[in-house]
């Protein structure tokens, strides 16, 4: 992984994490730092998946970015959908 691929994955992950945490409907039970962290990790995993699939990740490649955005988006949606509140309704 080159610096360009790493920086692209970080930017994609932070962007998707921030937007996903703000755009998805429902209560904000997942903290924004968690959605950003999941977005970054998933985007980095997307870079690895793209590289293993034979996509050139040394330069800014639209297919690699598409894979990063897809995995980061799926990760953020999963975290937001499964986040639970620490408040208990059965007190």
Protein backbone atom coordinates (compact mmCIF):
# COMPACT_ATOMS: atom_id res chain seq x y z
CA UNK A 1 0.00 0.00 0.00
CA UNK A 2 1.40 3.36 -0.99
CA UNK A 3 0.97 6.73 0.67
CA UNK A 4 -1.63 7.71 -1.93
CA UNK A 5 -3.70 4.61 -1.23
CA UNK A 6 -3.42 5.11 2.51
CA UNK A 7 -4.39 8.79 2.39
CA UNK A 8 -7.29 8.06 0.05
CA UNK A 9 -8.58 5.32 2.35
CA UNK A 10 -8.28 7.60 5.39
CA UNK A 11 -10.14 10.44 3.66
CA UNK A 12 -12.85 8.11 2.40
CA UNK A 13 -13.24 6.50 5.83
CA UNK A 14 -13.48 9.80 7.71
CA UNK A 15 -15.92 11.24 5.18
CA UNK A 16 -18.19 8.19 5.14
CA UNK A 17 -18.01 7.91 8.92
CA UNK A 18 -19.00 11.54 9.46
CA UNK A 19 -21.73 11.54 6.82
CA UNK A 20 -23.08 8.16 7.82
CA UNK A 21 -23.35 9.12 11.45
CA UNK A 22 -25.23 12.29 10.56
CA UNK A 23 -27.39 11.17 7.64
CA UNK A 24 -28.75 7.83 8.83
CA UNK A 25 -32.18 8.15 10.44
CA UNK A 26 -33.02 7.31 14.02
CA UNK A 27 -31.58 8.19 17.36
CA UNK A 28 -27.89 8.93 17.58
CA UNK A 29 -26.88 6.02 19.76
CA UNK A 30 -23.55 5.39 18.06
CA UNK A 31 -21.02 8.10 18.92
CA UNK A 32 -19.50 9.96 16.00
CA UNK A 33 -15.97 8.80 16.89
CA UNK A 34 -17.15 5.19 16.51
CA UNK A 35 -18.67 5.75 13.07
CA UNK A 36 -15.50 7.51 11.92
CA UNK A 37 -13.26 4.75 13.30
CA UNK A 38 -15.35 2.04 11.63
CA UNK A 39 -15.36 4.01 8.38
CA UNK A 40 -11.57 4.32 8.39
CA UNK A 41 -10.96 0.66 9.23
CA UNK A 42 -13.47 -0.50 6.61
CA UNK A 43 -11.98 1.81 3.96
CA UNK A 44 -8.51 0.46 4.71
CA UNK A 45 -9.93 -3.06 4.39
CA UNK A 46 -11.43 -1.94 1.08
CA UNK A 47 -7.99 -0.96 -0.13
CA UNK A 48 -6.67 -4.40 0.76
CA UNK A 49 -9.63 -6.10 -0.94
CA UNK A 50 -9.15 -3.97 -4.06
CA UNK A 51 -5.44 -4.82 -4.13
CA UNK A 52 -6.17 -8.53 -3.75
CA UNK A 53 -8.71 -8.26 -6.58
CA UNK A 54 -5.99 -6.90 -8.85
CA UNK A 55 -7.02 -3.22 -8.82
CA UNK A 56 -4.14 -0.76 -8.97
CA UNK A 57 -4.11 0.94 -5.56
CA UNK A 58 -0.85 2.82 -6.07
CA UNK A 59 -2.64 5.77 -7.66
CA UNK A 60 -6.08 7.30 -7.29
CA UNK A 61 -8.25 4.66 -8.94
CA UNK A 62 -12.05 5.11 -9.14
CA UNK A 63 -12.69 1.38 -8.75
CA UNK A 64 -10.58 1.21 -5.59
CA UNK A 65 -12.37 4.26 -4.18
CA UNK A 66 -15.73 2.66 -5.03
CA UNK A 67 -14.76 -0.49 -3.12
CA UNK A 68 -13.54 1.60 -0.15
CA UNK A 69 -16.75 3.63 -0.06
CA UNK A 70 -18.87 0.48 -0.29
CA UNK A 71 -17.16 -1.28 2.58
CA UNK A 72 -16.99 1.86 4.71
CA UNK A 73 -20.67 2.59 4.09
CA UNK A 74 -21.67 -0.97 4.95
CA UNK A 75 -19.60 -0.87 8.14
CA UNK A 76 -21.06 2.45 9.29
CA UNK A 77 -24.62 1.34 8.56
CA UNK A 78 -24.01 -1.86 10.50
CA UNK A 79 -22.64 0.02 13.52
CA UNK A 80 -25.42 2.62 13.55
CA UNK A 81 -28.11 -0.03 13.10
CA UNK A 82 -26.83 -2.20 15.94
CA UNK A 83 -25.90 0.56 18.42
CA UNK A 84 -27.82 0.33 21.66
CA UNK A 85 -28.44 2.88 24.29
CA UNK A 86 -26.99 2.43 27.75
CA UNK A 87 -30.28 3.67 29.15
CA UNK A 88 -32.50 0.91 30.42
CA UNK A 89 -36.26 1.10 29.99
CA UNK A 90 -36.88 -1.73 32.44
CA UNK A 91 -35.84 0.02 35.64
